[in-house]
């Protein structure tokens, strides 16, 4: 009986020691040194501006694979999430973009000139 009680106590103690502890707050202020982390859901894709339709807030891009929306490389027109994105764009500009589904429509949510 003593051995059984000791075994049960040992198993219970291991469960307490092995229980993960969750930190409160966010990790945004965590110092990671020189380590750079890239979340795949925020990756930017290389593209080239083929056409600009400022009146409708549309940009036609020849783009690489847009993995987050399951799209192969192609040329396609996209709505811009913010009309200000296209103010400084010109046909032929090399850009990096993030496209997401916004209200069911493929939309450029981030655009950076290269």
C-alpha atoms as a PDB file:
ATOM      1  CA  UNK A   1       0.000   0.000   0.000  1.00  0.00           C
ATOM      2  CA  UNK A   2       2.870   2.388   0.840  1.00  0.00           C
ATOM      3  CA  UNK A   3       4.428   1.849  -2.580  1.00  0.00           C
ATOM      4  CA  UNK A   4       1.124   2.583  -4.331  1.00  0.00           C
ATOM      5  CA  UNK A   5       0.676   5.856  -2.355  1.00  0.00           C
ATOM      6  CA  UNK A   6       4.245   6.936  -3.143  1.00  0.00           C
ATOM      7  CA  UNK A   7       3.770   6.094  -6.845  1.00  0.00           C
ATOM      8  CA  UNK A   8       0.528   8.095  -7.003  1.00  0.00           C
ATOM      9  CA  UNK A   9       2.188  11.040  -5.234  1.00  0.00           C
ATOM     10  CA  UNK A  10       5.136  10.914  -7.655  1.00  0.00           C
ATOM     11  CA  UNK A  11       2.848  10.927 -10.709  1.00  0.00           C
ATOM     12  CA  UNK A  12       0.877  13.849  -9.258  1.00  0.00           C
ATOM     13  CA  UNK A  13       4.086  15.800  -8.620  1.00  0.00           C
ATOM     14  CA  UNK A  14       5.260  15.225 -12.202  1.00  0.00           C
ATOM     15  CA  UNK A  15       1.936  16.524 -13.552  1.00  0.00           C
ATOM     16  CA  UNK A  16       2.361  19.753 -11.588  1.00  0.00           C
ATOM     17  CA  UNK A  17       5.961  20.200 -12.765  1.00  0.00           C
ATOM     18  CA  UNK A  18       5.077  19.472 -16.409  1.00  0.00           C
ATOM     19  CA  UNK A  19       2.124  21.892 -16.549  1.00  0.00           C
ATOM     20  CA  UNK A  20       2.955  24.768 -18.943  1.00  0.00           C
ATOM     21  CA  UNK A  21       2.727  28.303 -17.665  1.00  0.00           C
ATOM     22  CA  UNK A  22       1.155  30.926 -19.906  1.00  0.00           C
ATOM     23  CA  UNK A  23       2.607  34.412 -19.865  1.00  0.00           C
ATOM     24  CA  UNK A  24       0.239  37.336 -19.597  1.00  0.00           C
ATOM     25  CA  UNK A  25       0.234  40.180 -22.118  1.00  0.00           C
ATOM     26  CA  UNK A  26       1.571  40.187 -25.653  1.00  0.00           C
ATOM     27  CA  UNK A  27       4.939  39.240 -27.049  1.00  0.00           C
ATOM     28  CA  UNK A  28       5.262  42.439 -29.122  1.00  0.00           C
ATOM     29  CA  UNK A  29       7.723  44.004 -26.663  1.00  0.00           C
ATOM     30  CA  UNK A  30       9.872  40.903 -26.402  1.00  0.00           C
ATOM     31  CA  UNK A  31      13.564  41.456 -27.271  1.00  0.00           C
ATOM     32  CA  UNK A  32      14.677  38.805 -29.747  1.00  0.00           C
ATOM     33  CA  UNK A  33      18.139  40.287 -30.362  1.00  0.00           C
ATOM     34  CA  UNK A  34      19.165  40.104 -34.018  1.00  0.00           C
ATOM     35  CA  UNK A  35      16.730  37.310 -34.768  1.00  0.00           C
ATOM     36  CA  UNK A  36      14.290  38.198 -37.550  1.00  0.00           C
ATOM     37  CA  UNK A  37      11.027  36.342 -37.680  1.00  0.00           C
ATOM     38  CA  UNK A  38       8.701  36.425 -40.650  1.00  0.00           C
ATOM     39  CA  UNK A  39       5.169  35.251 -40.208  1.00  0.00           C
ATOM     40  CA  UNK A  40       3.992  33.540 -43.396  1.00  0.00           C
ATOM     41  CA  UNK A  41       0.596  35.189 -43.147  1.00  0.00           C
ATOM     42  CA  UNK A  42       2.161  38.642 -43.587  1.00  0.00           C
ATOM     43  CA  UNK A  43       4.573  37.863 -46.416  1.00  0.00           C
ATOM     44  CA  UNK A  44       4.807  40.265 -49.349  1.00  0.00           C
ATOM     45  CA  UNK A  45       4.889  39.078 -52.961  1.00  0.00           C
ATOM     46  CA  UNK A  46       6.937  40.582 -55.799  1.00  0.00           C
ATOM     47  CA  UNK A  47       4.853  42.182 -58.532  1.00  0.00           C
ATOM     48  CA  UNK A  48       4.995  44.652 -61.409  1.00  0.00           C
ATOM     49  CA  UNK A  49       2.377  47.322 -62.109  1.00  0.00           C
ATOM     50  CA  UNK A  50       0.778  46.673 -65.519  1.00  0.00           C
ATOM     51  CA  UNK A  51      -2.171  49.109 -65.406  1.00  0.00           C
ATOM     52  CA  UNK A  52      -3.649  51.697 -63.023  1.00  0.00           C
ATOM     53  CA  UNK A  53      -7.342  52.610 -62.888  1.00  0.00           C
ATOM     54  CA  UNK A  54      -7.383  55.360 -60.261  1.00  0.00           C
ATOM     55  CA  UNK A  55     -11.044  56.192 -60.921  1.00  0.00           C
ATOM     56  CA  UNK A  56     -12.063  52.720 -59.729  1.00  0.00           C
ATOM     57  CA  UNK A  57      -9.223  52.157 -57.225  1.00  0.00           C
ATOM     58  CA  UNK A  58      -7.871  49.213 -59.216  1.00  0.00           C
ATOM     59  CA  UNK A  59      -4.322  48.131 -60.043  1.00  0.00           C
ATOM     60  CA  UNK A  60      -3.417  45.394 -62.517  1.00  0.00           C
ATOM     61  CA  UNK A  61      -0.382  43.463 -61.322  1.00  0.00           C
ATOM     62  CA  UNK A  62       1.832  40.814 -62.862  1.00  0.00           C
ATOM     63  CA  UNK A  63       2.490  38.979 -59.608  1.00  0.00           C
ATOM     64  CA  UNK A  64       4.181  35.972 -58.110  1.00  0.00           C
ATOM     65  CA  UNK A  65       2.294  33.281 -56.204  1.00  0.00           C
ATOM     66  CA  UNK A  66      -0.114  34.653 -53.609  1.00  0.00           C
ATOM     67  CA  UNK A  67      -0.001  31.633 -51.335  1.00  0.00           C
ATOM     68  CA  UNK A  68      -2.247  33.039 -48.616  1.00  0.00           C
ATOM     69  CA  UNK A  69      -5.156  33.246 -51.088  1.00  0.00           C
ATOM     70  CA  UNK A  70      -4.177  30.166 -53.117  1.00  0.00           C
ATOM     71  CA  UNK A  71      -3.332  32.002 -56.345  1.00  0.00           C
ATOM     72  CA  UNK A  72      -0.634  31.019 -58.826  1.00  0.00           C
ATOM     73  CA  UNK A  73       1.536  33.662 -60.539  1.00  0.00           C
ATOM     74  CA  UNK A  74      -0.483  35.605 -63.138  1.00  0.00           C
ATOM     75  CA  UNK A  75      -1.572  39.065 -64.244  1.00  0.00           C
ATOM     76  CA  UNK A  76      -4.760  40.310 -62.601  1.00  0.00           C
ATOM     77  CA  UNK A  77      -6.535  43.497 -61.498  1.00  0.00           C
ATOM     78  CA  UNK A  78      -7.006  44.041 -57.770  1.00  0.00           C
ATOM     79  CA  UNK A  79      -8.951  46.546 -55.728  1.00  0.00           C
ATOM     80  CA  UNK A  80      -6.808  48.702 -53.442  1.00  0.00           C
ATOM     81  CA  UNK A  81      -7.656  48.793 -49.751  1.00  0.00           C
ATOM     82  CA  UNK A  82      -6.655  52.462 -49.628  1.00  0.00           C
ATOM     83  CA  UNK A  83      -6.898  54.697 -52.736  1.00  0.00           C
ATOM     84  CA  UNK A  84      -3.777  56.557 -51.521  1.00  0.00           C
ATOM     85  CA  UNK A  85      -1.760  53.433 -52.368  1.00  0.00           C
ATOM     86  CA  UNK A  86      -1.890  54.240 -56.070  1.00  0.00           C
ATOM     87  CA  UNK A  87      -1.166  57.982 -55.975  1.00  0.00           C
ATOM     88  CA  UNK A  88       2.576  57.548 -56.566  1.00  0.00           C
ATOM     89  CA  UNK A  89       2.404  54.393 -58.736  1.00  0.00           C
ATOM     90  CA  UNK A  90       3.382  54.245 -62.384  1.00  0.00           C
ATOM     91  CA  UNK A  91       3.065  51.480 -64.965  1.00  0.00           C
ATOM     92  CA  UNK A  92       6.244  49.418 -64.831  1.00  0.00           C
ATOM     93  CA  UNK A  93       6.928  50.020 -61.114  1.00  0.00           C
ATOM     94  CA  UNK A  94       8.301  47.015 -59.247  1.00  0.00           C
ATOM     95  CA  UNK A  95       6.402  46.536 -56.001  1.00  0.00           C
ATOM     96  CA  UNK A  96       5.857  44.127 -53.127  1.00  0.00           C
ATOM     97  CA  UNK A  97       2.233  43.453 -52.224  1.00  0.00           C
ATOM     98  CA  UNK A  98       0.026  41.698 -49.739  1.00  0.00           C
ATOM     99  CA  UNK A  99      -3.346  40.617 -51.125  1.00  0.00           C
ATOM    100  CA  UNK A 100      -6.146  39.359 -48.881  1.00  0.00           C
ATOM    101  CA  UNK A 101      -9.843  38.616 -49.199  1.00  0.00           C
ATOM    102  CA  UNK A 102     -11.738  41.616 -47.831  1.00  0.00           C
ATOM    103  CA  UNK A 103     -15.524  41.249 -47.865  1.00  0.00           C
ATOM    104  CA  UNK A 104     -15.103  38.449 -50.399  1.00  0.00           C
ATOM    105  CA  UNK A 105     -13.011  40.543 -52.810  1.00  0.00           C
ATOM    106  CA  UNK A 106      -9.270  40.146 -53.459  1.00  0.00           C
ATOM    107  CA  UNK A 107      -7.801  43.414 -52.211  1.00  0.00           C
ATOM    108  CA  UNK A 108      -4.300  44.870 -51.969  1.00  0.00           C
ATOM    109  CA  UNK A 109      -3.906  45.561 -48.258  1.00  0.00           C
ATOM    110  CA  UNK A 110      -0.211  46.491 -48.349  1.00  0.00           C
ATOM    111  CA  UNK A 111       1.919  47.839 -51.186  1.00  0.00           C
ATOM    112  CA  UNK A 112       5.585  48.863 -51.105  1.00  0.00           C
ATOM    113  CA  UNK A 113       7.682  50.153 -54.002  1.00  0.00           C
ATOM    114  CA  UNK A 114      10.925  48.241 -54.468  1.00  0.00           C
END
